Amino acid sequence: MDRHTFELTVSREIRQALEELLPLQTQAGSVSRDNLRRQLQVVSEHVQTAARAYYLEGLVTVDEVADELGVSSEHLCELARQRYAHYGIGRKFGDTWVWAQDEVEVILPHGE
């Protein structure tokens, strides 16, 4: 799932919740606390599922990014440690670093 699909999924869930709680033919109405809680729970569950898919399917490894950027894996691992310390981007699983696709652009300093 790419970022655009993720954002569309979240928007669709919100729109669907609003349509169920506030139908278009209702000019003014009230929503019960229980209905609102129940609908927000459904939206939350769907967004959580979409978020997991978006982030997990988009992860790239140190070897993939090193190849893409034309740098050595060792050099990239050192940069990864620095970027994680300064910006909190990337995660280390076992011996390998992984990033969400949108984090990759901030791994290398400008000009490298």
PDB file of N, CA and C in Angstrom:
ATOM      1  N   MET A   1       0.849  -1.172   0.000  1.00  0.00           N
ATOM      2  CA  MET A   1       0.000   0.000   0.000  1.00  0.00           C
ATOM      3  C   MET A   1       0.895   1.236   0.000  1.00  0.00           C
ATOM      4  N   ASP A   2       0.630   2.150  -0.912  1.00  0.00           N
ATOM      5  CA  ASP A   2       1.413   3.384  -0.947  1.00  0.00           C
ATOM      6  C   ASP A   2       0.714   4.469  -0.122  1.00  0.00           C
ATOM      7  N   ARG A   3       1.393   5.609   0.036  1.00  0.00           N
ATOM      8  CA  ARG A   3       0.865   6.687   0.890  1.00  0.00           C
ATOM      9  C   ARG A   3      -0.495   7.188   0.394  1.00  0.00           C
ATOM     10  N   HIS A   4      -0.639   7.325  -0.921  1.00  0.00           N
ATOM     11  CA  HIS A   4      -1.895   7.817  -1.489  1.00  0.00           C
ATOM     12  C   HIS A   4      -3.054   6.874  -1.141  1.00  0.00           C
ATOM     13  N   THR A   5      -2.842   5.577  -1.293  1.00  0.00           N
ATOM     14  CA  THR A   5      -3.872   4.589  -0.974  1.00  0.00           C
ATOM     15  C   THR A   5      -4.208   4.624   0.511  1.00  0.00           C
ATOM     16  N   PHE A   6      -3.177   4.767   1.345  1.00  0.00           N
ATOM     17  CA  PHE A   6      -3.393   4.861   2.790  1.00  0.00           C
ATOM     18  C   PHE A   6      -4.276   6.069   3.107  1.00  0.00           C
ATOM     19  N   GLU A   7      -3.936   7.227   2.562  1.00  0.00           N
ATOM     20  CA  GLU A   7      -4.713   8.438   2.831  1.00  0.00           C
ATOM     21  C   GLU A   7      -6.142   8.315   2.315  1.00  0.00           C
ATOM     22  N   LEU A   8      -6.320   7.690   1.158  1.00  0.00           N
ATOM     23  CA  LEU A   8      -7.670   7.467   0.636  1.00  0.00           C
ATOM     24  C   LEU A   8      -8.468   6.539   1.551  1.00  0.00           C
ATOM     25  N   THR A   9      -7.815   5.525   2.097  1.00  0.00           N
ATOM     26  CA  THR A   9      -8.476   4.589   3.007  1.00  0.00           C
ATOM     27  C   THR A   9      -8.957   5.305   4.258  1.00  0.00           C
ATOM     28  N   VAL A  10      -8.105   6.130   4.839  1.00  0.00           N
ATOM     29  CA  VAL A  10      -8.492   6.877   6.039  1.00  0.00           C
ATOM     30  C   VAL A  10      -9.656   7.812   5.719  1.00  0.00           C
ATOM     31  N   SER A  11      -9.567   8.536   4.616  1.00  0.00           N
ATOM     32  CA  SER A  11     -10.651   9.453   4.219  1.00  0.00           C
ATOM     33  C   SER A  11     -11.955   8.704   3.995  1.00  0.00           C
ATOM     34  N   ARG A  12     -11.875   7.556   3.347  1.00  0.00           N
ATOM     35  CA  ARG A  12     -13.077   6.759   3.086  1.00  0.00           C
ATOM     36  C   ARG A  12     -13.732   6.307   4.385  1.00  0.00           C
ATOM     37  N   GLU A  13     -12.918   5.880   5.358  1.00  0.00           N
ATOM     38  CA  GLU A  13     -13.468   5.431   6.639  1.00  0.00           C
ATOM     39  C   GLU A  13     -14.168   6.565   7.374  1.00  0.00           C
ATOM     40  N   ILE A  14     -13.562   7.734   7.356  1.00  0.00           N
ATOM     41  CA  ILE A  14     -14.170   8.898   8.016  1.00  0.00           C
ATOM     42  C   ILE A  14     -15.473   9.276   7.319  1.00  0.00           C
ATOM     43  N   ARG A  15     -15.448   9.323   5.992  1.00  0.00           N
ATOM     44  CA  ARG A  15     -16.645   9.680   5.216  1.00  0.00           C
ATOM     45  C   ARG A  15     -17.768   8.676   5.474  1.00  0.00           C
ATOM     46  N   GLN A  16     -17.417   7.393   5.521  1.00  0.00           N
ATOM     47  CA  GLN A  16     -18.432   6.360   5.755  1.00  0.00           C
ATOM     48  C   GLN A  16     -19.033   6.505   7.155  1.00  0.00           C
ATOM     49  N   ALA A  17     -18.208   6.805   8.147  1.00  0.00           N
ATOM     50  CA  ALA A  17     -18.719   7.000   9.504  1.00  0.00           C
ATOM     51  C   ALA A  17     -19.678   8.185   9.555  1.00  0.00           C
ATOM     52  N   LEU A  18     -19.303   9.275   8.898  1.00  0.00           N
ATOM     53  CA  LEU A  18     -20.177  10.450   8.881  1.00  0.00           C
ATOM     54  C   LEU A  18     -21.508  10.154   8.196  1.00  0.00           C
ATOM     55  N   GLU A  19     -21.448   9.415   7.090  1.00  0.00           N
ATOM     56  CA  GLU A  19     -22.677   9.083   6.366  1.00  0.00           C
ATOM     57  C   GLU A  19     -23.600   8.215   7.205  1.00  0.00           C
ATOM     58  N   GLU A  20     -23.033   7.309   7.992  1.00  0.00           N
ATOM     59  CA  GLU A  20     -23.863   6.456   8.832  1.00  0.00           C
ATOM     60  C   GLU A  20     -24.439   7.220  10.017  1.00  0.00           C
ATOM     61  N   LEU A  21     -23.664   8.149  10.561  1.00  0.00           N
ATOM     62  CA  LEU A  21     -24.120   8.890  11.732  1.00  0.00           C
ATOM     63  C   LEU A  21     -24.993  10.089  11.376  1.00  0.00           C
ATOM     64  N   LEU A  22     -24.685  10.724  10.269  1.00  0.00           N
ATOM     65  CA  LEU A  22     -25.403  11.939   9.854  1.00  0.00           C
ATOM     66  C   LEU A  22     -25.823  11.818   8.396  1.00  0.00           C
ATOM     67  N   PRO A  23     -26.877  11.075   8.119  1.00  0.00           N
ATOM     68  CA  PRO A  23     -27.314  10.910   6.732  1.00  0.00           C
ATOM     69  C   PRO A  23     -27.572  12.270   6.077  1.00  0.00           C
ATOM     70  N   LEU A  24     -27.340  12.354   4.791  1.00  0.00           N
ATOM     71  CA  LEU A  24     -27.489  13.612   4.057  1.00  0.00           C
ATOM     72  C   LEU A  24     -28.894  14.186   4.144  1.00  0.00           C
ATOM     73  N   GLN A  25     -29.917  13.313   4.208  1.00  0.00           N
ATOM     74  CA  GLN A  25     -31.277  13.827   4.253  1.00  0.00           C
ATOM     75  C   GLN A  25     -31.641  14.412   5.618  1.00  0.00           C
ATOM     76  N   THR A  26     -30.808  14.235   6.602  1.00  0.00           N
ATOM     77  CA  THR A  26     -31.062  14.797   7.925  1.00  0.00           C
ATOM     78  C   THR A  26     -30.436  16.179   7.992  1.00  0.00           C
ATOM     79  N   GLN A  27     -31.266  17.196   8.126  1.00  0.00           N
ATOM     80  CA  GLN A  27     -30.766  18.559   8.216  1.00  0.00           C
ATOM     81  C   GLN A  27     -30.058  18.791   9.548  1.00  0.00           C
ATOM     82  N   ALA A  28     -30.721  18.470  10.586  1.00  0.00           N
ATOM     83  CA  ALA A  28     -30.129  18.647  11.914  1.00  0.00           C
ATOM     84  C   ALA A  28     -30.521  17.430  12.723  1.00  0.00           C
ATOM     85  N   GLY A  29     -29.593  16.873  13.377  1.00  0.00           N
ATOM     86  CA  GLY A  29     -29.886  15.692  14.157  1.00  0.00           C
ATOM     87  C   GLY A  29     -28.881  15.548  15.271  1.00  0.00           C
ATOM     88  N   SER A  30     -29.120  14.556  16.057  1.00  0.00           N
ATOM     89  CA  SER A  30     -28.174  14.311  17.136  1.00  0.00           C
ATOM     90  C   SER A  30     -27.684  12.879  17.030  1.00  0.00           C
ATOM     91  N   VAL A  31     -26.501  12.679  17.477  1.00  0.00           N
ATOM     92  CA  VAL A  31     -25.881  11.368  17.462  1.00  0.00           C
ATOM     93  C   VAL A  31     -25.692  10.954  18.914  1.00  0.00           C
ATOM     94  N   SER A  32     -26.121   9.757  19.206  1.00  0.00           N
ATOM     95  CA  SER A  32     -25.968   9.313  20.590  1.00  0.00           C
ATOM     96  C   SER A  32     -24.494   9.038  20.892  1.00  0.00           C
ATOM     97  N   ARG A  33     -24.174   9.177  22.132  1.00  0.00           N
ATOM     98  CA  ARG A  33     -22.801   8.916  22.583  1.00  0.00           C
ATOM     99  C   ARG A  33     -22.381   7.485  22.235  1.00  0.00           C
ATOM    100  N   ASP A  34     -23.275   6.527  22.421  1.00  0.00           N
ATOM    101  CA  ASP A  34     -22.961   5.123  22.118  1.00  0.00           C
ATOM    102  C   ASP A  34     -22.721   4.907  20.627  1.00  0.00           C
ATOM    103  N   ASN A  35     -23.552   5.527  19.780  1.00  0.00           N
ATOM    104  CA  ASN A  35     -23.353   5.393  18.332  1.00  0.00           C
ATOM    105  C   ASN A  35     -22.033   6.005  17.899  1.00  0.00           C
ATOM    106  N   LEU A  36     -21.712   7.166  18.444  1.00  0.00           N
ATOM    107  CA  LEU A  36     -20.456   7.813  18.105  1.00  0.00           C
ATOM    108  C   LEU A  36     -19.271   6.971  18.549  1.00  0.00           C
ATOM    109  N   ARG A  37     -19.308   6.467  19.771  1.00  0.00           N
ATOM    110  CA  ARG A  37     -18.223   5.616  20.282  1.00  0.00           C
ATOM    111  C   ARG A  37     -18.053   4.379  19.409  1.00  0.00           C
ATOM    112  N   ARG A  38     -19.153   3.726  19.087  1.00  0.00           N
ATOM    113  CA  ARG A  38     -19.114   2.498  18.283  1.00  0.00           C
ATOM    114  C   ARG A  38     -18.537   2.780  16.887  1.00  0.00           C
ATOM    115  N   GLN A  39     -18.977   3.866  16.281  1.00  0.00           N
ATOM    116  CA  GLN A  39     -18.500   4.193  14.935  1.00  0.00           C
ATOM    117  C   GLN A  39     -17.033   4.591  14.944  1.00  0.00           C
ATOM    118  N   LEU A  40     -16.618   5.361  15.942  1.00  0.00           N
ATOM    119  CA  LEU A  40     -15.204   5.733  16.039  1.00  0.00           C
ATOM    120  C   LEU A  40     -14.331   4.508  16.270  1.00  0.00           C
ATOM    121  N   GLN A  41     -14.826   3.529  16.995  1.00  0.00           N
ATOM    122  CA  GLN A  41     -14.078   2.288  17.201  1.00  0.00           C
ATOM    123  C   GLN A  41     -13.866   1.563  15.876  1.00  0.00           C
ATOM    124  N   VAL A  42     -14.907   1.501  15.057  1.00  0.00           N
ATOM    125  CA  VAL A  42     -14.802   0.857  13.740  1.00  0.00           C
ATOM    126  C   VAL A  42     -13.788   1.598  12.871  1.00  0.00           C
ATOM    127  N   VAL A  43     -13.885   2.926  12.844  1.00  0.00           N
ATOM    128  CA  VAL A  43     -12.942   3.725  12.055  1.00  0.00           C
ATOM    129  C   VAL A  43     -11.522   3.468  12.544  1.00  0.00           C
ATOM    130  N   SER A  44     -11.333   3.477  13.845  1.00  0.00           N
ATOM    131  CA  SER A  44     -10.011   3.261  14.422  1.00  0.00           C
ATOM    132  C   SER A  44      -9.433   1.905  14.010  1.00  0.00           C
ATOM    133  N   GLU A  45     -10.235   0.867  14.061  1.00  0.00           N
ATOM    134  CA  GLU A  45      -9.767  -0.472  13.680  1.00  0.00           C
ATOM    135  C   GLU A  45      -9.363  -0.524  12.215  1.00  0.00           C
ATOM    136  N   HIS A  46     -10.158   0.089  11.349  1.00  0.00           N
ATOM    137  CA  HIS A  46      -9.834   0.080   9.915  1.00  0.00           C
ATOM    138  C   HIS A  46      -8.575   0.898   9.616  1.00  0.00           C
ATOM    139  N   VAL A  47      -8.425   2.026  10.296  1.00  0.00           N
ATOM    140  CA  VAL A  47      -7.237   2.851  10.091  1.00  0.00           C
ATOM    141  C   VAL A  47      -5.993   2.136  10.617  1.00  0.00           C
ATOM    142  N   GLN A  48      -6.111   1.453  11.739  1.00  0.00           N
ATOM    143  CA  GLN A  48      -4.972   0.690  12.260  1.00  0.00           C
ATOM    144  C   GLN A  48      -4.524  -0.383  11.270  1.00  0.00           C
ATOM    145  N   THR A  49      -5.466  -1.075  10.691  1.00  0.00           N
ATOM    146  CA  THR A  49      -5.141  -2.111   9.706  1.00  0.00           C
ATOM    147  C   THR A  49      -4.453  -1.496   8.491  1.00  0.00           C
ATOM    148  N   ALA A  50      -4.982  -0.385   8.007  1.00  0.00           N
ATOM    149  CA  ALA A  50      -4.377   0.281   6.847  1.00  0.00           C
ATOM    150  C   ALA A  50      -2.985   0.804   7.196  1.00  0.00           C
ATOM    151  N   ALA A  51      -2.806   1.346   8.390  1.00  0.00           N
ATOM    152  CA  ALA A  51      -1.498   1.876   8.796  1.00  0.00           C
ATOM    153  C   ALA A  51      -0.457   0.767   8.864  1.00  0.00           C
ATOM    154  N   ARG A  52      -0.821  -0.368   9.426  1.00  0.00           N
ATOM    155  CA  ARG A  52       0.122  -1.494   9.477  1.00  0.00           C
ATOM    156  C   ARG A  52       0.525  -1.916   8.069  1.00  0.00           C
ATOM    157  N   ALA A  53      -0.452  -2.043   7.190  1.00  0.00           N
ATOM    158  CA  ALA A  53      -0.156  -2.450   5.810  1.00  0.00           C
ATOM    159  C   ALA A  53       0.738  -1.419   5.139  1.00  0.00           C
ATOM    160  N   TYR A  54       0.415  -0.139   5.310  1.00  0.00           N
ATOM    161  CA  TYR A  54       1.200   0.923   4.674  1.00  0.00           C
ATOM    162  C   TYR A  54       2.652   0.890   5.131  1.00  0.00           C
ATOM    163  N   TYR A  55       2.872   0.829   6.423  1.00  0.00           N
ATOM    164  CA  TYR A  55       4.237   0.885   6.924  1.00  0.00           C
ATOM    165  C   TYR A  55       5.002  -0.419   6.721  1.00  0.00           C
ATOM    166  N   LEU A  56       4.367  -1.561   6.927  1.00  0.00           N
ATOM    167  CA  LEU A  56       5.087  -2.825   6.790  1.00  0.00           C
ATOM    168  C   LEU A  56       5.400  -3.154   5.337  1.00  0.00           C
ATOM    169  N   GLU A  57       4.458  -2.896   4.444  1.00  0.00           N
ATOM    170  CA  GLU A  57       4.693  -3.206   3.032  1.00  0.00           C
ATOM    171  C   GLU A  57       5.700  -2.259   2.405  1.00  0.00           C
ATOM    172  N   GLY A  58       5.887  -1.091   2.992  1.00  0.00           N
ATOM    173  CA  GLY A  58       6.791  -0.109   2.419  1.00  0.00           C
ATOM    174  C   GLY A  58       8.186  -0.102   3.015  1.00  0.00           C
ATOM    175  N   LEU A  59       8.481  -1.016   3.948  1.00  0.00           N
ATOM    176  CA  LEU A  59       9.803  -1.019   4.562  1.00  0.00           C
ATOM    177  C   LEU A  59      10.880  -1.438   3.565  1.00  0.00           C
ATOM    178  N   VAL A  60      12.028  -0.761   3.637  1.00  0.00           N
ATOM    179  CA  VAL A  60      13.177  -1.108   2.805  1.00  0.00           C
ATOM    180  C   VAL A  60      14.368  -1.354   3.729  1.00  0.00           C
ATOM    181  N   THR A  61      15.243  -2.254   3.306  1.00  0.00           N
ATOM    182  CA  THR A  61      16.393  -2.641   4.132  1.00  0.00           C
ATOM    183  C   THR A  61      17.624  -1.820   3.779  1.00  0.00           C
ATOM    184  N   VAL A  62      18.622  -1.931   4.639  1.00  0.00           N
ATOM    185  CA  VAL A  62      19.878  -1.206   4.428  1.00  0.00           C
ATOM    186  C   VAL A  62      20.498  -1.582   3.086  1.00  0.00           C
ATOM    187  N   ASP A  63      20.452  -2.852   2.712  1.00  0.00           N
ATOM    188  CA  ASP A  63      21.041  -3.281   1.430  1.00  0.00           C
ATOM    189  C   ASP A  63      20.292  -2.676   0.245  1.00  0.00           C
ATOM    190  N   GLU A  64      18.964  -2.638   0.319  1.00  0.00           N
ATOM    191  CA  GLU A  64      18.175  -2.051  -0.771  1.00  0.00           C
ATOM    192  C   GLU A  64      18.464  -0.557  -0.917  1.00  0.00           C
ATOM    193  N   VAL A  65      18.517   0.145   0.211  1.00  0.00           N
ATOM    194  CA  VAL A  65      18.754   1.586   0.170  1.00  0.00           C
ATOM    195  C   VAL A  65      20.184   1.885  -0.263  1.00  0.00           C
ATOM    196  N   ALA A  66      21.152   1.097   0.210  1.00  0.00           N
ATOM    197  CA  ALA A  66      22.547   1.298  -0.189  1.00  0.00           C
ATOM    198  C   ALA A  66      22.687   1.156  -1.704  1.00  0.00           C
ATOM    199  N   ASP A  67      22.045   0.132  -2.267  1.00  0.00           N
ATOM    200  CA  ASP A  67      22.076  -0.048  -3.726  1.00  0.00           C
ATOM    201  C   ASP A  67      21.428   1.137  -4.442  1.00  0.00           C
ATOM    202  N   GLU A  68      20.289   1.568  -3.924  1.00  0.00           N
ATOM    203  CA  GLU A  68      19.558   2.676  -4.550  1.00  0.00           C
ATOM    204  C   GLU A  68      20.365   3.978  -4.512  1.00  0.00           C
ATOM    205  N   LEU A  69      21.065   4.216  -3.401  1.00  0.00           N
ATOM    206  CA  LEU A  69      21.803   5.462  -3.239  1.00  0.00           C
ATOM    207  C   LEU A  69      23.250   5.382  -3.709  1.00  0.00           C
ATOM    208  N   GLY A  70      23.712   4.174  -4.032  1.00  0.00           N
ATOM    209  CA  GLY A  70      25.079   4.010  -4.513  1.00  0.00           C
ATOM    210  C   GLY A  70      26.141   4.193  -3.428  1.00  0.00           C
ATOM    211  N   VAL A  71      25.839   3.766  -2.220  1.00  0.00           N
ATOM    212  CA  VAL A  71      26.803   3.843  -1.121  1.00  0.00           C
ATOM    213  C   VAL A  71      26.980   2.441  -0.545  1.00  0.00           C
ATOM    214  N   SER A  72      28.022   2.272   0.263  1.00  0.00           N
ATOM    215  CA  SER A  72      28.237   0.961   0.879  1.00  0.00           C
ATOM    216  C   SER A  72      27.255   0.761   2.029  1.00  0.00           C
ATOM    217  N   SER A  73      26.947  -0.488   2.305  1.00  0.00           N
ATOM    218  CA  SER A  73      26.061  -0.816   3.421  1.00  0.00           C
ATOM    219  C   SER A  73      26.648  -0.364   4.746  1.00  0.00           C
ATOM    220  N   GLU A  74      27.973  -0.486   4.871  1.00  0.00           N
ATOM    221  CA  GLU A  74      28.641  -0.085   6.114  1.00  0.00           C
ATOM    222  C   GLU A  74      28.489   1.423   6.349  1.00  0.00           C
ATOM    223  N   HIS A  75      28.720   2.205   5.298  1.00  0.00           N
ATOM    224  CA  HIS A  75      28.575   3.652   5.392  1.00  0.00           C
ATOM    225  C   HIS A  75      27.132   4.015   5.753  1.00  0.00           C
ATOM    226  N   LEU A  76      26.195   3.354   5.111  1.00  0.00           N
ATOM    227  CA  LEU A  76      24.789   3.617   5.363  1.00  0.00           C
ATOM    228  C   LEU A  76      24.400   3.238   6.794  1.00  0.00           C
ATOM    229  N   CYS A  77      24.951   2.154   7.317  1.00  0.00           N
ATOM    230  CA  CYS A  77      24.660   1.763   8.702  1.00  0.00           C
ATOM    231  C   CYS A  77      25.130   2.838   9.679  1.00  0.00           C
ATOM    232  N   GLU A  78      26.292   3.429   9.423  1.00  0.00           N
ATOM    233  CA  GLU A  78      26.789   4.504  10.287  1.00  0.00           C
ATOM    234  C   GLU A  78      25.861   5.723  10.195  1.00  0.00           C
ATOM    235  N   LEU A  79      25.465   6.081   8.977  1.00  0.00           N
ATOM    236  CA  LEU A  79      24.511   7.177   8.817  1.00  0.00           C
ATOM    237  C   LEU A  79      23.180   6.860   9.492  1.00  0.00           C
ATOM    238  N   ALA A  80      22.781   5.609   9.415  1.00  0.00           N
ATOM    239  CA  ALA A  80      21.516   5.191  10.029  1.00  0.00           C
ATOM    240  C   ALA A  80      21.553   5.415  11.538  1.00  0.00           C
ATOM    241  N   ARG A  81      22.658   5.050  12.168  1.00  0.00           N
ATOM    242  CA  ARG A  81      22.780   5.266  13.614  1.00  0.00           C
ATOM    243  C   ARG A  81      22.665   6.754  13.948  1.00  0.00           C
ATOM    244  N   GLN A  82      23.324   7.586  13.156  1.00  0.00           N
ATOM    245  CA  GLN A  82      23.275   9.033  13.388  1.00  0.00           C
ATOM    246  C   GLN A  82      21.857   9.579  13.179  1.00  0.00           C
ATOM    247  N   ARG A  83      21.216   9.172  12.087  1.00  0.00           N
ATOM    248  CA  ARG A  83      19.873   9.679  11.784  1.00  0.00           C
ATOM    249  C   ARG A  83      18.863   9.210  12.828  1.00  0.00           C
ATOM    250  N   TYR A  84      19.040   7.996  13.305  1.00  0.00           N
ATOM    251  CA  TYR A  84      18.125   7.499  14.330  1.00  0.00           C
ATOM    252  C   TYR A  84      18.294   8.315  15.618  1.00  0.00           C
ATOM    253  N   ALA A  85      19.543   8.590  15.996  1.00  0.00           N
ATOM    254  CA  ALA A  85      19.814   9.370  17.208  1.00  0.00           C
ATOM    255  C   ALA A  85      19.281  10.800  17.097  1.00  0.00           C
ATOM    256  N   HIS A  86      19.439  11.412  15.926  1.00  0.00           N
ATOM    257  CA  HIS A  86      19.029  12.813  15.755  1.00  0.00           C
ATOM    258  C   HIS A  86      17.560  12.998  15.387  1.00  0.00           C
ATOM    259  N   TYR A  87      17.033  12.124  14.530  1.00  0.00           N
ATOM    260  CA  TYR A  87      15.693  12.334  13.990  1.00  0.00           C
ATOM    261  C   TYR A  87      14.697  11.231  14.334  1.00  0.00           C
ATOM    262  N   GLY A  88      15.181  10.132  14.888  1.00  0.00           N
ATOM    263  CA  GLY A  88      14.285   9.033  15.230  1.00  0.00           C
ATOM    264  C   GLY A  88      13.759   8.263  14.034  1.00  0.00           C
ATOM    265  N   ILE A  89      14.473   8.346  12.904  1.00  0.00           N
ATOM    266  CA  ILE A  89      14.010   7.616  11.716  1.00  0.00           C
ATOM    267  C   ILE A  89      14.743   6.287  11.606  1.00  0.00           C
ATOM    268  N   GLY A  90      14.083   5.331  11.004  1.00  0.00           N
ATOM    269  CA  GLY A  90      14.664   4.007  10.845  1.00  0.00           C
ATOM    270  C   GLY A  90      14.496   3.178  12.107  1.00  0.00           C
ATOM    271  N   ARG A  91      14.639   1.885  11.938  1.00  0.00           N
ATOM    272  CA  ARG A  91      14.586   0.945  13.054  1.00  0.00           C
ATOM    273  C   ARG A  91      15.576  -0.164  12.763  1.00  0.00           C
ATOM    274  N   LYS A  92      16.156  -0.684  13.825  1.00  0.00           N
ATOM    275  CA  LYS A  92      17.088  -1.791  13.656  1.00  0.00           C
ATOM    276  C   LYS A  92      16.419  -3.063  14.154  1.00  0.00           C
ATOM    277  N   PHE A  93      16.373  -4.055  13.281  1.00  0.00           N
ATOM    278  CA  PHE A  93      15.851  -5.372  13.612  1.00  0.00           C
ATOM    279  C   PHE A  93      16.984  -6.357  13.453  1.00  0.00           C
ATOM    280  N   GLY A  94      17.438  -6.925  14.557  1.00  0.00           N
ATOM    281  CA  GLY A  94      18.588  -7.820  14.500  1.00  0.00           C
ATOM    282  C   GLY A  94      19.802  -7.034  14.057  1.00  0.00           C
ATOM    283  N   ASP A  95      20.401  -7.449  12.968  1.00  0.00           N
ATOM    284  CA  ASP A  95      21.601  -6.782  12.451  1.00  0.00           C
ATOM    285  C   ASP A  95      21.312  -5.831  11.301  1.00  0.00           C
ATOM    286  N   THR A  96      20.068  -5.651  10.946  1.00  0.00           N
ATOM    287  CA  THR A  96      19.793  -4.825   9.770  1.00  0.00           C
ATOM    288  C   THR A  96      18.895  -3.639  10.109  1.00  0.00           C
ATOM    289  N   TRP A  97      19.155  -2.548   9.422  1.00  0.00           N
ATOM    290  CA  TRP A  97      18.338  -1.346   9.534  1.00  0.00           C
ATOM    291  C   TRP A  97      17.241  -1.395   8.482  1.00  0.00           C
ATOM    292  N   VAL A  98      16.069  -0.877   8.839  1.00  0.00           N
ATOM    293  CA  VAL A  98      14.967  -0.747   7.882  1.00  0.00           C
ATOM    294  C   VAL A  98      14.363   0.642   8.029  1.00  0.00           C
ATOM    295  N   TRP A  99      13.773   1.123   6.926  1.00  0.00           N
ATOM    296  CA  TRP A  99      13.142   2.435   6.903  1.00  0.00           C
ATOM    297  C   TRP A  99      11.817   2.341   6.176  1.00  0.00           C
ATOM    298  N   ALA A 100      10.920   3.246   6.536  1.00  0.00           N
ATOM    299  CA  ALA A 100       9.740   3.468   5.719  1.00  0.00           C
ATOM    300  C   ALA A 100      10.224   4.226   4.485  1.00  0.00           C
ATOM    301  N   GLN A 101       9.572   4.035   3.376  1.00  0.00           N
ATOM    302  CA  GLN A 101      10.027   4.630   2.119  1.00  0.00           C
ATOM    303  C   GLN A 101      10.173   6.147   2.220  1.00  0.00           C
ATOM    304  N   ASP A 102       9.272   6.809   2.948  1.00  0.00           N
ATOM    305  CA  ASP A 102       9.359   8.266   3.033  1.00  0.00           C
ATOM    306  C   ASP A 102      10.474   8.752   3.962  1.00  0.00           C
ATOM    307  N   GLU A 103      11.137   7.855   4.695  1.00  0.00           N
ATOM    308  CA  GLU A 103      12.283   8.228   5.524  1.00  0.00           C
ATOM    309  C   GLU A 103      13.593   8.214   4.743  1.00  0.00           C
ATOM    310  N   VAL A 104      13.611   7.513   3.631  1.00  0.00           N
ATOM    311  CA  VAL A 104      14.842   7.309   2.877  1.00  0.00           C
ATOM    312  C   VAL A 104      15.463   8.633   2.433  1.00  0.00           C
ATOM    313  N   GLU A 105      14.649   9.596   2.059  1.00  0.00           N
ATOM    314  CA  GLU A 105      15.184  10.863   1.539  1.00  0.00           C
ATOM    315  C   GLU A 105      15.990  11.646   2.574  1.00  0.00           C
ATOM    316  N   VAL A 106      15.832  11.382   3.845  1.00  0.00           N
ATOM    317  CA  VAL A 106      16.588  12.137   4.861  1.00  0.00           C
ATOM    318  C   VAL A 106      17.765  11.352   5.441  1.00  0.00           C
ATOM    319  N   ILE A 107      18.043  10.201   4.872  1.00  0.00           N
ATOM    320  CA  ILE A 107      19.152   9.389   5.374  1.00  0.00           C
ATOM    321  C   ILE A 107      20.488  10.024   5.029  1.00  0.00           C
ATOM    322  N   LEU A 108      20.695  10.347   3.759  1.00  0.00           N
ATOM    323  CA  LEU A 108      21.971  10.928   3.344  1.00  0.00           C
ATOM    324  C   LEU A 108      21.960  12.432   3.518  1.00  0.00           C
ATOM    325  N   PRO A 109      23.077  12.983   3.999  1.00  0.00           N
ATOM    326  CA  PRO A 109      23.154  14.446   4.057  1.00  0.00           C
ATOM    327  C   PRO A 109      23.163  14.999   2.635  1.00  0.00           C
ATOM    328  N   HIS A 110      22.704  16.210   2.476  1.00  0.00           N
ATOM    329  CA  HIS A 110      22.705  16.827   1.144  1.00  0.00           C
ATOM    330  C   HIS A 110      24.125  16.906   0.621  1.00  0.00           C
ATOM    331  N   GLY A 111      24.305  16.590  -0.643  1.00  0.00           N
ATOM    332  CA  GLY A 111      25.615  16.672  -1.258  1.00  0.00           C
ATOM    333  C   GLY A 111      26.396  15.377  -1.193  1.00  0.00           C
ATOM    334  N   GLU A 112      25.890  14.354  -0.482  1.00  0.00           N
ATOM    335  CA  GLU A 112      26.645  13.095  -0.418  1.00  0.00           C
ATOM    336  C   GLU A 112      26.253  12.175  -1.532  1.00  0.00           C
TER     337      GLU A 112
END
